[in-house]
Amino acid sequence: MAKKNGRKPQKASGGTPATVALTAAGTEYTVHAYDHDPASPSYGDEAAEALGVSPDRVFKTLVADVDGELTVAVVPVAGQLDLKALASAVGGKRAAMADPAAAERTTGYVRGGISPLGQRKRLRTVLDASAGAHTTICVSAGRRGLEVELAPGDLAALTGAVLAPIGRA
């Protein structure tokens, strides 16, 4: 982290690495918080319902292993990740879901709160092409019960994401 005036900058109260990255980039975004239910079977569906947003506009962040390299896939919570399409989108041959512990260790986030933004190690990222149909989408802000809403183009630019049809109903 860069130092200014010899002092280490402090994170904003309640900030996450994702919101810190957005603020540092000067990106326009809105944070939405809700009470997370630990018993909820689906973090994404829970977020869509709590925020009153269509599940087509709420995107989940999944980490997959593509030919031995961890890769981030961002797809609508209303659908599923097509692993073959993800591998193809990054020029790979084979994809499988990553080990949850490896995903947490590499991104710096806990499962259910993994954000495509502000990860400990920047990973290749693929954003489902359906994101382009929306003015804004919601993704995890880096903590369960916290979502960030932003333009899909801004998300792609900040993560270096490739847009590709990687989701399926």
N, C-alpha and C. Protein backbone atom coordinates (compact mmCIF):
# COMPACT_ATOMS: atom_id res chain seq x y z
N MET A 1 0.84 -1.17 0.00
CA MET A 1 0.00 0.00 0.00
C MET A 1 0.89 1.24 0.00
N ALA A 2 0.56 2.21 -0.81
CA ALA A 2 1.37 3.41 -0.93
C ALA A 2 1.29 4.26 0.34
N LYS A 3 2.36 4.94 0.63
CA LYS A 3 2.37 5.81 1.80
C LYS A 3 2.26 7.25 1.34
N LYS A 4 1.56 8.04 2.13
CA LYS A 4 1.40 9.46 1.85
C LYS A 4 1.81 10.20 3.11
N ASN A 5 2.69 11.17 2.99
CA ASN A 5 3.19 11.92 4.14
C ASN A 5 3.78 10.99 5.20
N GLY A 6 4.40 9.88 4.74
CA GLY A 6 5.03 8.96 5.66
C GLY A 6 4.08 8.07 6.44
N ARG A 7 2.77 8.20 6.21
CA ARG A 7 1.80 7.39 6.95
C ARG A 7 1.04 6.49 5.99
N LYS A 8 0.71 5.33 6.47
CA LYS A 8 -0.06 4.37 5.68
C LYS A 8 -1.52 4.83 5.64
N PRO A 9 -2.13 4.93 4.43
CA PRO A 9 -3.53 5.35 4.37
C PRO A 9 -4.45 4.34 5.05
N GLN A 10 -5.50 4.83 5.65
CA GLN A 10 -6.46 3.98 6.34
C GLN A 10 -7.65 3.69 5.45
N LYS A 11 -8.20 2.48 5.58
CA LYS A 11 -9.42 2.13 4.87
C LYS A 11 -10.57 2.90 5.50
N ALA A 12 -11.52 3.27 4.66
CA ALA A 12 -12.72 3.92 5.18
C ALA A 12 -13.44 2.95 6.11
N SER A 13 -14.06 3.48 7.14
CA SER A 13 -14.79 2.64 8.09
C SER A 13 -15.81 1.78 7.35
N GLY A 14 -15.76 0.48 7.58
CA GLY A 14 -16.70 -0.43 6.93
C GLY A 14 -16.33 -0.74 5.50
N GLY A 15 -15.23 -0.20 5.01
CA GLY A 15 -14.83 -0.46 3.63
C GLY A 15 -14.26 -1.85 3.47
N THR A 16 -14.29 -2.33 2.25
CA THR A 16 -13.70 -3.62 1.90
C THR A 16 -12.66 -3.34 0.82
N PRO A 17 -11.78 -4.29 0.54
CA PRO A 17 -10.84 -4.06 -0.56
C PRO A 17 -11.55 -3.71 -1.87
N ALA A 18 -12.75 -4.25 -2.09
CA ALA A 18 -13.50 -3.96 -3.31
C ALA A 18 -13.93 -2.49 -3.35
N THR A 19 -14.50 -1.99 -2.26
CA THR A 19 -14.95 -0.60 -2.26
C THR A 19 -13.77 0.37 -2.24
N VAL A 20 -12.70 -0.03 -1.61
CA VAL A 20 -11.49 0.80 -1.62
C VAL A 20 -10.96 0.91 -3.05
N ALA A 21 -10.95 -0.21 -3.79
CA ALA A 21 -10.48 -0.20 -5.19
C ALA A 21 -11.37 0.68 -6.06
N LEU A 22 -12.69 0.60 -5.85
CA LEU A 22 -13.62 1.42 -6.62
C LEU A 22 -13.41 2.90 -6.34
N THR A 23 -13.25 3.23 -5.08
CA THR A 23 -13.05 4.63 -4.70
C THR A 23 -11.73 5.15 -5.26
N ALA A 24 -10.68 4.34 -5.14
CA ALA A 24 -9.36 4.75 -5.64
C ALA A 24 -9.39 4.98 -7.15
N ALA A 25 -10.21 4.20 -7.87
CA ALA A 25 -10.29 4.33 -9.32
C ALA A 25 -11.22 5.48 -9.74
N GLY A 26 -11.93 6.05 -8.78
CA GLY A 26 -12.86 7.13 -9.11
C GLY A 26 -14.11 6.63 -9.81
N THR A 27 -14.44 5.37 -9.61
CA THR A 27 -15.59 4.75 -10.26
C THR A 27 -16.87 5.06 -9.50
N GLU A 28 -17.93 5.33 -10.24
CA GLU A 28 -19.23 5.58 -9.63
C GLU A 28 -19.85 4.24 -9.24
N TYR A 29 -20.29 4.13 -7.98
CA TYR A 29 -20.89 2.89 -7.50
C TYR A 29 -21.80 3.19 -6.31
N THR A 30 -22.65 2.22 -6.01
CA THR A 30 -23.54 2.32 -4.86
C THR A 30 -23.40 1.04 -4.05
N VAL A 31 -23.27 1.17 -2.75
CA VAL A 31 -23.19 0.00 -1.87
C VAL A 31 -24.57 -0.28 -1.32
N HIS A 32 -24.93 -1.56 -1.34
CA HIS A 32 -26.21 -2.02 -0.79
C HIS A 32 -25.92 -3.07 0.28
N ALA A 33 -26.36 -2.80 1.51
CA ALA A 33 -26.18 -3.75 2.60
C ALA A 33 -27.51 -4.39 2.95
N TYR A 34 -27.46 -5.63 3.38
CA TYR A 34 -28.66 -6.33 3.84
C TYR A 34 -28.24 -7.32 4.92
N ASP A 35 -29.21 -7.77 5.70
CA ASP A 35 -28.93 -8.74 6.76
C ASP A 35 -28.79 -10.12 6.15
N HIS A 36 -27.58 -10.65 6.19
CA HIS A 36 -27.29 -11.97 5.64
C HIS A 36 -27.79 -13.05 6.59
N ASP A 37 -28.48 -14.03 6.04
CA ASP A 37 -28.96 -15.18 6.80
C ASP A 37 -27.98 -16.33 6.58
N PRO A 38 -27.23 -16.74 7.61
CA PRO A 38 -26.25 -17.83 7.43
C PRO A 38 -26.88 -19.14 6.97
N ALA A 39 -28.18 -19.30 7.18
CA ALA A 39 -28.86 -20.54 6.76
C ALA A 39 -29.31 -20.49 5.30
N SER A 40 -29.13 -19.36 4.63
CA SER A 40 -29.57 -19.23 3.24
C SER A 40 -28.80 -20.19 2.35
N PRO A 41 -29.52 -20.96 1.50
CA PRO A 41 -28.84 -21.92 0.63
C PRO A 41 -28.13 -21.27 -0.56
N SER A 42 -28.50 -20.03 -0.91
CA SER A 42 -27.90 -19.36 -2.06
C SER A 42 -27.64 -17.90 -1.74
N TYR A 43 -26.36 -17.52 -1.69
CA TYR A 43 -26.01 -16.13 -1.38
C TYR A 43 -26.56 -15.17 -2.42
N GLY A 44 -26.48 -15.55 -3.68
CA GLY A 44 -26.92 -14.68 -4.77
C GLY A 44 -28.42 -14.45 -4.76
N ASP A 45 -29.18 -15.53 -4.62
CA ASP A 45 -30.64 -15.39 -4.57
C ASP A 45 -31.05 -14.57 -3.36
N GLU A 46 -30.36 -14.79 -2.25
CA GLU A 46 -30.65 -14.02 -1.04
C GLU A 46 -30.42 -12.54 -1.30
N ALA A 47 -29.34 -12.20 -1.96
CA ALA A 47 -29.02 -10.80 -2.25
C ALA A 47 -30.07 -10.19 -3.16
N ALA A 48 -30.45 -10.89 -4.21
CA ALA A 48 -31.46 -10.37 -5.15
C ALA A 48 -32.77 -10.09 -4.43
N GLU A 49 -33.20 -11.03 -3.60
CA GLU A 49 -34.45 -10.86 -2.88
C GLU A 49 -34.37 -9.72 -1.87
N ALA A 50 -33.28 -9.68 -1.11
CA ALA A 50 -33.12 -8.64 -0.08
C ALA A 50 -33.06 -7.24 -0.69
N LEU A 51 -32.47 -7.12 -1.87
CA LEU A 51 -32.31 -5.81 -2.51
C LEU A 51 -33.48 -5.47 -3.42
N GLY A 52 -34.36 -6.44 -3.67
CA GLY A 52 -35.49 -6.20 -4.57
C GLY A 52 -35.04 -5.98 -6.00
N VAL A 53 -33.99 -6.68 -6.40
CA VAL A 53 -33.41 -6.56 -7.73
C VAL A 53 -33.60 -7.87 -8.48
N SER A 54 -33.86 -7.80 -9.77
CA SER A 54 -34.01 -9.00 -10.59
C SER A 54 -32.74 -9.86 -10.50
N PRO A 55 -32.89 -11.19 -10.35
CA PRO A 55 -31.72 -12.07 -10.30
C PRO A 55 -30.87 -12.01 -11.58
N ASP A 56 -31.42 -11.46 -12.66
CA ASP A 56 -30.63 -11.27 -13.89
C ASP A 56 -29.61 -10.15 -13.75
N ARG A 57 -29.84 -9.24 -12.78
CA ARG A 57 -28.93 -8.10 -12.57
C ARG A 57 -27.97 -8.31 -11.41
N VAL A 58 -28.16 -9.38 -10.64
CA VAL A 58 -27.25 -9.69 -9.54
C VAL A 58 -26.32 -10.81 -10.03
N PHE A 59 -25.03 -10.56 -9.97
CA PHE A 59 -24.05 -11.49 -10.50
C PHE A 59 -23.23 -12.11 -9.37
N LYS A 60 -22.98 -13.41 -9.50
CA LYS A 60 -22.16 -14.11 -8.51
C LYS A 60 -20.75 -14.24 -9.04
N THR A 61 -19.81 -14.26 -8.13
CA THR A 61 -18.40 -14.39 -8.47
C THR A 61 -17.96 -15.80 -8.11
N LEU A 62 -17.56 -16.55 -9.12
CA LEU A 62 -17.12 -17.93 -8.93
C LEU A 62 -15.66 -18.05 -9.34
N VAL A 63 -14.92 -18.90 -8.66
CA VAL A 63 -13.52 -19.12 -9.01
C VAL A 63 -13.40 -20.55 -9.53
N ALA A 64 -12.82 -20.65 -10.71
CA ALA A 64 -12.64 -21.95 -11.36
C ALA A 64 -11.15 -22.16 -11.65
N ASP A 65 -10.81 -23.40 -11.86
CA ASP A 65 -9.46 -23.78 -12.25
C ASP A 65 -9.51 -24.11 -13.74
N VAL A 66 -8.84 -23.29 -14.54
CA VAL A 66 -8.79 -23.53 -15.99
C VAL A 66 -7.36 -23.92 -16.34
N ASP A 67 -7.21 -25.18 -16.70
CA ASP A 67 -5.89 -25.72 -17.06
C ASP A 67 -4.82 -25.38 -16.02
N GLY A 68 -5.18 -25.47 -14.74
CA GLY A 68 -4.23 -25.25 -13.66
C GLY A 68 -4.10 -23.80 -13.22
N GLU A 69 -4.86 -22.90 -13.80
CA GLU A 69 -4.79 -21.48 -13.43
C GLU A 69 -6.14 -21.01 -12.90
N LEU A 70 -6.14 -20.40 -11.72
CA LEU A 70 -7.39 -19.90 -11.16
C LEU A 70 -7.92 -18.75 -12.02
N THR A 71 -9.21 -18.80 -12.28
CA THR A 71 -9.88 -17.83 -13.14
C THR A 71 -11.21 -17.46 -12.51
N VAL A 72 -11.55 -16.18 -12.57
CA VAL A 72 -12.81 -15.68 -12.00
C VAL A 72 -13.88 -15.64 -13.09
N ALA A 73 -15.06 -16.15 -12.74
CA ALA A 73 -16.22 -16.10 -13.63
C ALA A 73 -17.31 -15.31 -12.91
N VAL A 74 -17.89 -14.33 -13.59
CA VAL A 74 -18.94 -13.50 -13.01
C VAL A 74 -20.19 -13.73 -13.85
N VAL A 75 -21.18 -14.41 -13.25
CA VAL A 75 -22.39 -14.81 -13.97
C VAL A 75 -23.63 -14.44 -13.17
N PRO A 76 -24.78 -14.28 -13.84
CA PRO A 76 -26.02 -13.95 -13.12
C PRO A 76 -26.40 -15.05 -12.13
N VAL A 77 -26.92 -14.64 -10.97
CA VAL A 77 -27.35 -15.63 -9.98
C VAL A 77 -28.53 -16.43 -10.49
N ALA A 78 -29.22 -15.94 -11.51
CA ALA A 78 -30.38 -16.63 -12.07
C ALA A 78 -29.98 -17.86 -12.88
N GLY A 79 -28.70 -18.00 -13.17
CA GLY A 79 -28.25 -19.12 -13.99
C GLY A 79 -27.07 -19.85 -13.38
N GLN A 80 -26.37 -20.57 -14.23
CA GLN A 80 -25.21 -21.35 -13.81
C GLN A 80 -24.02 -21.02 -14.70
N LEU A 81 -22.86 -21.37 -14.22
CA LEU A 81 -21.63 -21.21 -14.99
C LEU A 81 -21.48 -22.40 -15.94
N ASP A 82 -21.20 -22.11 -17.20
CA ASP A 82 -20.89 -23.14 -18.19
C ASP A 82 -19.36 -23.25 -18.21
N LEU A 83 -18.85 -24.29 -17.58
CA LEU A 83 -17.40 -24.44 -17.44
C LEU A 83 -16.69 -24.58 -18.78
N LYS A 84 -17.31 -25.26 -19.73
CA LYS A 84 -16.71 -25.41 -21.07
C LYS A 84 -16.58 -24.04 -21.74
N ALA A 85 -17.63 -23.23 -21.62
CA ALA A 85 -17.60 -21.89 -22.22
C ALA A 85 -16.56 -21.01 -21.54
N LEU A 86 -16.39 -21.17 -20.23
CA LEU A 86 -15.37 -20.39 -19.51
C LEU A 86 -13.98 -20.76 -20.02
N ALA A 87 -13.71 -22.05 -20.12
CA ALA A 87 -12.40 -22.49 -20.61
C ALA A 87 -12.14 -21.93 -22.00
N SER A 88 -13.14 -22.00 -22.86
CA SER A 88 -13.01 -21.49 -24.22
C SER A 88 -12.76 -19.98 -24.23
N ALA A 89 -13.42 -19.25 -23.35
CA ALA A 89 -13.29 -17.79 -23.31
C ALA A 89 -11.88 -17.32 -22.99
N VAL A 90 -11.12 -18.16 -22.27
CA VAL A 90 -9.75 -17.78 -21.92
C VAL A 90 -8.71 -18.61 -22.68
N GLY A 91 -9.16 -19.32 -23.71
CA GLY A 91 -8.24 -20.10 -24.52
C GLY A 91 -7.79 -21.38 -23.86
N GLY A 92 -8.56 -21.87 -22.89
CA GLY A 92 -8.20 -23.09 -22.20
C GLY A 92 -8.92 -24.30 -22.75
N LYS A 93 -8.56 -25.46 -22.21
CA LYS A 93 -9.18 -26.71 -22.66
C LYS A 93 -10.15 -27.27 -21.64
N ARG A 94 -9.80 -27.14 -20.36
CA ARG A 94 -10.59 -27.80 -19.33
C ARG A 94 -10.75 -26.89 -18.12
N ALA A 95 -11.99 -26.84 -17.59
CA ALA A 95 -12.26 -26.03 -16.40
C ALA A 95 -13.03 -26.85 -15.39
N ALA A 96 -12.76 -26.58 -14.13
CA ALA A 96 -13.48 -27.19 -13.01
C ALA A 96 -13.56 -26.15 -11.91
N MET A 97 -14.54 -26.28 -11.05
CA MET A 97 -14.63 -25.34 -9.94
C MET A 97 -13.38 -25.48 -9.07
N ALA A 98 -12.87 -24.35 -8.61
CA ALA A 98 -11.66 -24.35 -7.79
C ALA A 98 -11.96 -24.86 -6.39
N ASP A 99 -10.93 -25.35 -5.74
CA ASP A 99 -11.04 -25.73 -4.34
C ASP A 99 -11.42 -24.49 -3.55
N PRO A 100 -12.48 -24.54 -2.73
CA PRO A 100 -12.92 -23.35 -1.99
C PRO A 100 -11.81 -22.70 -1.14
N ALA A 101 -10.99 -23.51 -0.51
CA ALA A 101 -9.91 -22.96 0.32
C ALA A 101 -8.89 -22.21 -0.54
N ALA A 102 -8.59 -22.74 -1.72
CA ALA A 102 -7.65 -22.07 -2.63
C ALA A 102 -8.25 -20.76 -3.13
N ALA A 103 -9.56 -20.76 -3.42
CA ALA A 103 -10.23 -19.54 -3.88
C ALA A 103 -10.18 -18.47 -2.79
N GLU A 104 -10.46 -18.86 -1.55
CA GLU A 104 -10.44 -17.90 -0.45
C GLU A 104 -9.04 -17.37 -0.21
N ARG A 105 -8.06 -18.26 -0.19
CA ARG A 105 -6.67 -17.87 0.06
C ARG A 105 -6.15 -16.92 -1.03
N THR A 106 -6.49 -17.21 -2.28
CA THR A 106 -5.98 -16.42 -3.40
C THR A 106 -6.67 -15.07 -3.53
N THR A 107 -7.99 -15.04 -3.31
CA THR A 107 -8.73 -13.78 -3.47
C THR A 107 -8.69 -12.91 -2.23
N GLY A 108 -8.53 -13.54 -1.06
CA GLY A 108 -8.57 -12.79 0.19
C GLY A 108 -9.98 -12.60 0.74
N TYR A 109 -10.94 -13.25 0.11
CA TYR A 109 -12.34 -13.15 0.53
C TYR A 109 -12.85 -14.52 0.95
N VAL A 110 -13.95 -14.52 1.74
CA VAL A 110 -14.57 -15.79 2.13
C VAL A 110 -15.64 -16.17 1.12
N ARG A 111 -15.88 -17.46 0.99
CA ARG A 111 -16.91 -17.96 0.08
C ARG A 111 -18.24 -17.32 0.43
N GLY A 112 -18.96 -16.90 -0.62
CA GLY A 112 -20.21 -16.19 -0.41
C GLY A 112 -20.00 -14.70 -0.34
N GLY A 113 -18.75 -14.28 -0.27
CA GLY A 113 -18.41 -12.87 -0.21
C GLY A 113 -17.27 -12.52 -1.15
N ILE A 114 -16.95 -13.43 -2.07
CA ILE A 114 -15.85 -13.17 -3.00
C ILE A 114 -16.30 -12.12 -4.01
N SER A 115 -15.53 -11.07 -4.10
CA SER A 115 -15.80 -9.99 -5.04
C SER A 115 -14.84 -10.10 -6.21
N PRO A 116 -15.27 -9.71 -7.40
CA PRO A 116 -14.32 -9.69 -8.52
C PRO A 116 -13.34 -8.51 -8.40
N LEU A 117 -13.60 -7.61 -7.47
CA LEU A 117 -12.80 -6.40 -7.28
C LEU A 117 -11.93 -6.49 -6.02
N GLY A 118 -10.75 -5.91 -6.07
CA GLY A 118 -9.91 -5.80 -4.88
C GLY A 118 -9.38 -7.12 -4.36
N GLN A 119 -9.18 -8.07 -5.24
CA GLN A 119 -8.68 -9.37 -4.80
C GLN A 119 -7.21 -9.29 -4.42
N ARG A 120 -6.81 -10.15 -3.50
CA ARG A 120 -5.42 -10.19 -3.03
C ARG A 120 -4.47 -10.42 -4.21
N LYS A 121 -4.83 -11.34 -5.09
CA LYS A 121 -4.05 -11.60 -6.30
C LYS A 121 -4.99 -11.43 -7.48
N ARG A 122 -4.64 -10.58 -8.41
CA ARG A 122 -5.51 -10.34 -9.57
C ARG A 122 -5.53 -11.58 -10.46
N LEU A 123 -6.73 -12.08 -10.68
CA LEU A 123 -6.91 -13.28 -11.50
C LEU A 123 -7.56 -12.92 -12.82
N ARG A 124 -7.33 -13.77 -13.83
CA ARG A 124 -8.06 -13.60 -15.09
C ARG A 124 -9.54 -13.60 -14.76
N THR A 125 -10.29 -12.72 -15.42
CA THR A 125 -11.71 -12.58 -15.13
C THR A 125 -12.52 -12.60 -16.41
N VAL A 126 -13.64 -13.32 -16.37
CA VAL A 126 -14.58 -13.36 -17.49
C VAL A 126 -15.95 -12.95 -16.95
N LEU A 127 -16.54 -11.94 -17.56
CA LEU A 127 -17.86 -11.45 -17.20
C LEU A 127 -18.85 -11.94 -18.24
N ASP A 128 -19.94 -12.55 -17.77
CA ASP A 128 -20.94 -13.05 -18.72
C ASP A 128 -21.44 -11.91 -19.59
N ALA A 129 -21.57 -12.20 -20.87
CA ALA A 129 -21.97 -11.19 -21.86
C ALA A 129 -23.34 -10.58 -21.57
N SER A 130 -24.19 -11.29 -20.82
CA SER A 130 -25.52 -10.76 -20.50
C SER A 130 -25.45 -9.49 -19.66
N ALA A 131 -24.32 -9.24 -19.02
CA ALA A 131 -24.17 -8.03 -18.21
C ALA A 131 -24.36 -6.78 -19.06
N GLY A 132 -23.97 -6.86 -20.32
CA GLY A 132 -24.07 -5.72 -21.22
C GLY A 132 -25.49 -5.27 -21.49
N ALA A 133 -26.47 -6.08 -21.16
CA ALA A 133 -27.88 -5.72 -21.38
C ALA A 133 -28.42 -4.80 -20.28
N HIS A 134 -27.61 -4.56 -19.24
CA HIS A 134 -28.05 -3.77 -18.09
C HIS A 134 -27.23 -2.49 -17.93
N THR A 135 -27.88 -1.45 -17.46
CA THR A 135 -27.17 -0.20 -17.17
C THR A 135 -26.24 -0.40 -15.99
N THR A 136 -26.74 -1.09 -14.95
CA THR A 136 -25.92 -1.43 -13.79
C THR A 136 -26.19 -2.86 -13.39
N ILE A 137 -25.20 -3.46 -12.74
CA ILE A 137 -25.34 -4.80 -12.17
C ILE A 137 -24.83 -4.75 -10.73
N CYS A 138 -25.18 -5.77 -9.96
CA CYS A 138 -24.70 -5.88 -8.58
C CYS A 138 -23.77 -7.08 -8.46
N VAL A 139 -22.67 -6.87 -7.76
CA VAL A 139 -21.73 -7.96 -7.46
C VAL A 139 -21.36 -7.83 -5.99
N SER A 140 -20.78 -8.87 -5.45
CA SER A 140 -20.37 -8.83 -4.05
C SER A 140 -19.37 -7.69 -3.83
N ALA A 141 -19.55 -7.02 -2.71
CA ALA A 141 -18.63 -5.94 -2.33
C ALA A 141 -17.52 -6.48 -1.43
N GLY A 142 -17.47 -7.81 -1.27
CA GLY A 142 -16.37 -8.41 -0.52
C GLY A 142 -16.75 -8.92 0.85
N ARG A 143 -18.04 -8.96 1.12
CA ARG A 143 -18.50 -9.46 2.41
C ARG A 143 -19.93 -9.97 2.23
N ARG A 144 -20.27 -11.04 2.90
CA ARG A 144 -21.65 -11.54 2.84
C ARG A 144 -22.57 -10.45 3.37
N GLY A 145 -23.64 -10.18 2.63
CA GLY A 145 -24.58 -9.15 3.04
C GLY A 145 -24.22 -7.76 2.53
N LEU A 146 -23.26 -7.68 1.61
CA LEU A 146 -22.84 -6.39 1.07
C LEU A 146 -22.63 -6.54 -0.43
N GLU A 147 -23.39 -5.75 -1.20
CA GLU A 147 -23.30 -5.76 -2.65
C GLU A 147 -22.91 -4.38 -3.15
N VAL A 148 -22.27 -4.32 -4.29
CA VAL A 148 -21.94 -3.06 -4.92
C VAL A 148 -22.61 -3.05 -6.30
N GLU A 149 -23.23 -1.92 -6.61
CA GLU A 149 -23.89 -1.75 -7.90
C GLU A 149 -23.06 -0.79 -8.74
N LEU A 150 -22.75 -1.22 -9.97
CA LEU A 150 -21.93 -0.40 -10.86
C LEU A 150 -22.22 -0.77 -12.31
N ALA A 151 -21.73 0.05 -13.21
CA ALA A 151 -21.90 -0.22 -14.64
C ALA A 151 -21.04 -1.42 -15.03
N PRO A 152 -21.59 -2.32 -15.87
CA PRO A 152 -20.81 -3.49 -16.28
C PRO A 152 -19.50 -3.12 -16.98
N GLY A 153 -19.50 -2.04 -17.75
CA GLY A 153 -18.27 -1.60 -18.41
C GLY A 153 -17.20 -1.20 -17.41
N ASP A 154 -17.62 -0.58 -16.31
CA ASP A 154 -16.66 -0.20 -15.27
C ASP A 154 -16.08 -1.44 -14.60
N LEU A 155 -16.93 -2.43 -14.34
CA LEU A 155 -16.45 -3.69 -13.74
C LEU A 155 -15.44 -4.36 -14.66
N ALA A 156 -15.77 -4.42 -15.94
CA ALA A 156 -14.87 -5.05 -16.90
C ALA A 156 -13.53 -4.30 -16.97
N ALA A 157 -13.60 -2.98 -16.99
CA ALA A 157 -12.37 -2.19 -17.08
C ALA A 157 -11.50 -2.37 -15.84
N LEU A 158 -12.10 -2.37 -14.66
CA LEU A 158 -11.33 -2.46 -13.42
C LEU A 158 -10.73 -3.85 -13.20
N THR A 159 -11.36 -4.87 -13.72
CA THR A 159 -10.87 -6.23 -13.52
C THR A 159 -10.11 -6.78 -14.72
N GLY A 160 -10.14 -6.04 -15.83
CA GLY A 160 -9.53 -6.53 -17.06
C GLY A 160 -10.31 -7.70 -17.63
N ALA A 161 -11.60 -7.73 -17.34
CA ALA A 161 -12.45 -8.85 -17.75
C ALA A 161 -12.70 -8.91 -19.24
N VAL A 162 -12.82 -10.13 -19.70
CA VAL A 162 -13.26 -10.45 -21.05
C VAL A 162 -14.75 -10.68 -20.95
N LEU A 163 -15.55 -10.16 -21.89
CA LEU A 163 -16.98 -10.44 -21.91
C LEU A 163 -17.21 -11.62 -22.84
N ALA A 164 -17.91 -12.63 -22.33
CA ALA A 164 -18.18 -13.83 -23.11
C ALA A 164 -19.43 -14.51 -22.57
N PRO A 165 -20.14 -15.26 -23.41
CA PRO A 165 -21.33 -15.97 -22.97
C PRO A 165 -20.95 -17.21 -22.16
N ILE A 166 -20.75 -17.04 -20.85
CA ILE A 166 -20.32 -18.16 -20.00
C ILE A 166 -21.41 -18.65 -19.05
N GLY A 167 -22.56 -17.99 -19.07
CA GLY A 167 -23.66 -18.41 -18.20
C GLY A 167 -24.70 -19.18 -18.99
N ARG A 168 -25.45 -19.99 -18.28
CA ARG A 168 -26.56 -20.71 -18.91
C ARG A 168 -27.70 -20.77 -17.92
N ALA A 169 -28.91 -20.87 -18.46
CA ALA A 169 -30.11 -20.87 -17.60
C ALA A 169 -30.25 -22.16 -16.86
